[in-house]
Protein backbone atom coordinates (compact mmCIF):
# COMPACT_ATOMS: atom_id res chain seq x y z
CA MET A 1 26.47 28.03 53.79
CA PRO A 2 27.65 28.87 50.35
CA GLN A 3 25.53 27.39 47.40
CA ILE A 4 26.88 26.99 43.97
CA TYR A 5 23.87 27.68 41.81
CA MET A 6 24.40 26.80 38.10
CA ILE A 7 21.99 27.89 35.42
CA ILE A 8 22.44 26.18 32.11
CA THR A 9 20.98 26.62 28.64
CA HIS A 10 19.69 23.67 26.64
CA ARG A 11 22.82 23.70 24.66
CA ALA A 12 24.98 23.56 27.78
CA ARG A 13 22.79 20.90 29.25
CA ALA A 14 23.26 18.59 26.26
CA ASN A 15 27.07 18.90 26.59
CA LEU A 16 27.40 18.79 30.36
CA ILE A 17 24.78 16.33 31.50
CA ASP A 18 26.99 13.31 31.68
CA ASN A 19 29.61 14.99 33.88
CA ILE A 20 27.66 17.55 35.81
CA SER A 21 28.34 15.84 39.17
CA LEU A 22 32.14 15.83 38.44
CA LEU A 23 32.05 19.49 37.63
CA GLY A 24 30.02 20.16 40.80
CA SER A 25 32.70 18.39 42.82
CA GLU A 26 35.49 20.53 41.33
CA LEU A 27 33.55 23.67 41.87
CA ILE A 28 32.80 22.70 45.57
CA SER A 29 36.56 22.23 46.06
CA THR A 30 37.29 25.58 44.49
CA VAL A 31 34.89 27.46 46.69
CA LYS A 32 36.02 25.73 49.82
CA GLU A 33 39.69 26.62 49.01
CA ALA A 34 38.86 30.27 47.93
CA PHE A 35 36.75 30.96 51.09
CA ASP A 36 38.93 28.99 53.50
CA LEU A 37 36.24 26.54 54.23
CA GLU A 38 38.16 23.29 53.73
CA ASN A 39 37.12 21.80 56.98
CA LYS A 40 33.41 22.61 56.36
CA LYS A 41 30.96 20.19 54.77
CA ASP A 42 28.17 22.67 54.00
CA ILE A 43 28.80 23.93 50.44
CA ALA A 44 25.77 22.91 48.16
CA PHE A 45 25.73 22.50 44.48
CA THR A 46 22.40 23.03 42.59
CA VAL A 47 21.56 22.81 39.06
CA PRO A 48 17.77 23.36 38.30
CA ALA A 49 15.98 22.21 35.21
CA PRO A 50 17.17 23.96 32.08
CA VAL A 51 15.85 27.34 31.41
CA LEU A 52 13.14 27.81 28.90
CA TYR A 53 14.61 30.94 27.17
CA THR A 54 17.56 33.06 27.39
CA LYS A 55 18.76 36.11 25.50
CA LYS A 56 22.13 37.80 25.84
CA GLU A 57 23.10 35.30 28.64
CA ALA A 58 26.02 32.97 28.88
CA ASP A 59 25.54 29.22 28.17
CA VAL A 60 26.41 28.47 31.86
CA GLN A 61 25.75 31.03 34.62
CA ILE A 62 27.27 30.24 37.91
CA GLU A 63 26.18 32.11 41.12
CA ILE A 64 27.98 31.61 44.38
CA ARG A 65 25.22 32.57 46.97
CA TYR A 66 26.07 32.89 50.66
CA THR A 67 24.92 34.65 53.82
CA ALA A 68 27.46 37.35 54.78
CA GLY A 69 28.16 39.77 57.54
CA GLU A 70 27.61 37.37 60.36
CA ASP A 71 29.93 35.04 62.38
CA GLU A 72 28.59 32.17 60.29
CA TYR A 73 31.32 29.64 61.20
CA GLY A 74 32.08 30.59 64.82
CA GLN A 75 35.46 32.01 64.02
CA GLY A 76 35.00 35.23 66.04
CA ARG A 77 34.68 37.34 62.90
CA PRO A 78 32.00 37.99 60.23
CA PHE A 79 32.10 35.75 57.12
CA ASP A 80 32.37 38.47 54.53
CA PRO A 81 34.67 37.78 51.57
CA SER A 82 36.05 40.97 50.13
CA LEU A 83 35.50 42.10 46.60
CA LYS A 84 39.05 41.00 45.85
CA ASP A 85 38.36 37.57 47.30
CA GLN A 86 35.21 37.37 45.17
CA GLU A 87 37.11 38.39 42.05
CA ARG A 88 39.82 35.82 42.72
CA LEU A 89 37.10 33.13 43.20
CA ALA A 90 35.38 34.13 39.96
CA ALA A 91 38.69 33.83 38.05
CA GLN A 92 39.40 30.30 39.68
CA ILE A 93 35.99 29.12 38.74
CA GLN A 94 36.50 30.35 35.14
CA LYS A 95 39.80 28.38 35.01
CA VAL A 96 38.16 25.24 36.51
CA PHE A 97 35.36 25.51 33.93
CA ARG A 98 37.70 26.06 30.91
CA ASP A 99 40.02 23.16 32.06
CA PHE A 100 36.87 20.93 32.58
CA ILE A 101 35.60 21.69 28.96
CA THR A 102 39.02 20.92 27.61
CA ASP A 103 39.65 17.76 29.55
CA TYR A 104 36.32 16.30 28.52
CA GLY A 105 36.60 17.46 24.90
CA LEU A 106 33.47 19.46 25.13
CA PRO A 107 32.66 22.34 22.70
CA PRO A 108 33.28 25.83 23.97
CA LEU A 109 30.55 27.22 26.24
CA THR A 110 30.33 30.78 27.39
CA LEU A 111 30.44 31.35 31.19
CA SER A 112 29.51 34.11 33.62
CA VAL A 113 30.25 33.96 37.35
CA TRP A 114 28.45 36.08 40.04
CA CYS A 115 29.29 36.14 43.64
CA LYS A 116 26.11 36.93 45.46
CA PRO A 117 26.41 37.73 49.17
CA TYR A 118 23.14 38.00 51.11
CA TYR A 119 23.27 40.42 54.09
CA ASN A 120 20.76 40.63 56.88
CA SER A 121 19.56 37.21 55.92
CA VAL A 122 18.98 33.96 57.86
CA PHE A 123 19.62 30.44 56.53
CA LYS A 124 18.33 27.46 58.49
CA MET A 125 18.23 23.79 57.44
């Protein structure tokens, strides 16, 4: 189950708070398409409370967390996006984010994207 985990600074929160669920929906669609999970309904979007302090961090940090190396979806092969797939997803997320900022007339915000596969891990819900 991929989880989109977004860490935002106070500055970013002030600019994104009114539209955070719309951004989340766009990011979910992007991850579904990039990881070929369009028929799955298990991609989560989480934005915890704003951080207290950052130094040398982007205004918005997006982590794509997921269990990897197992046949997570019963497709007969391990779910394990390649580095190239992860790089492609990161670029797509950057574009979605830039377009979102532009479409809603928000001030520029810096962004980092990190794909974080978890191997030898178990997720149960």
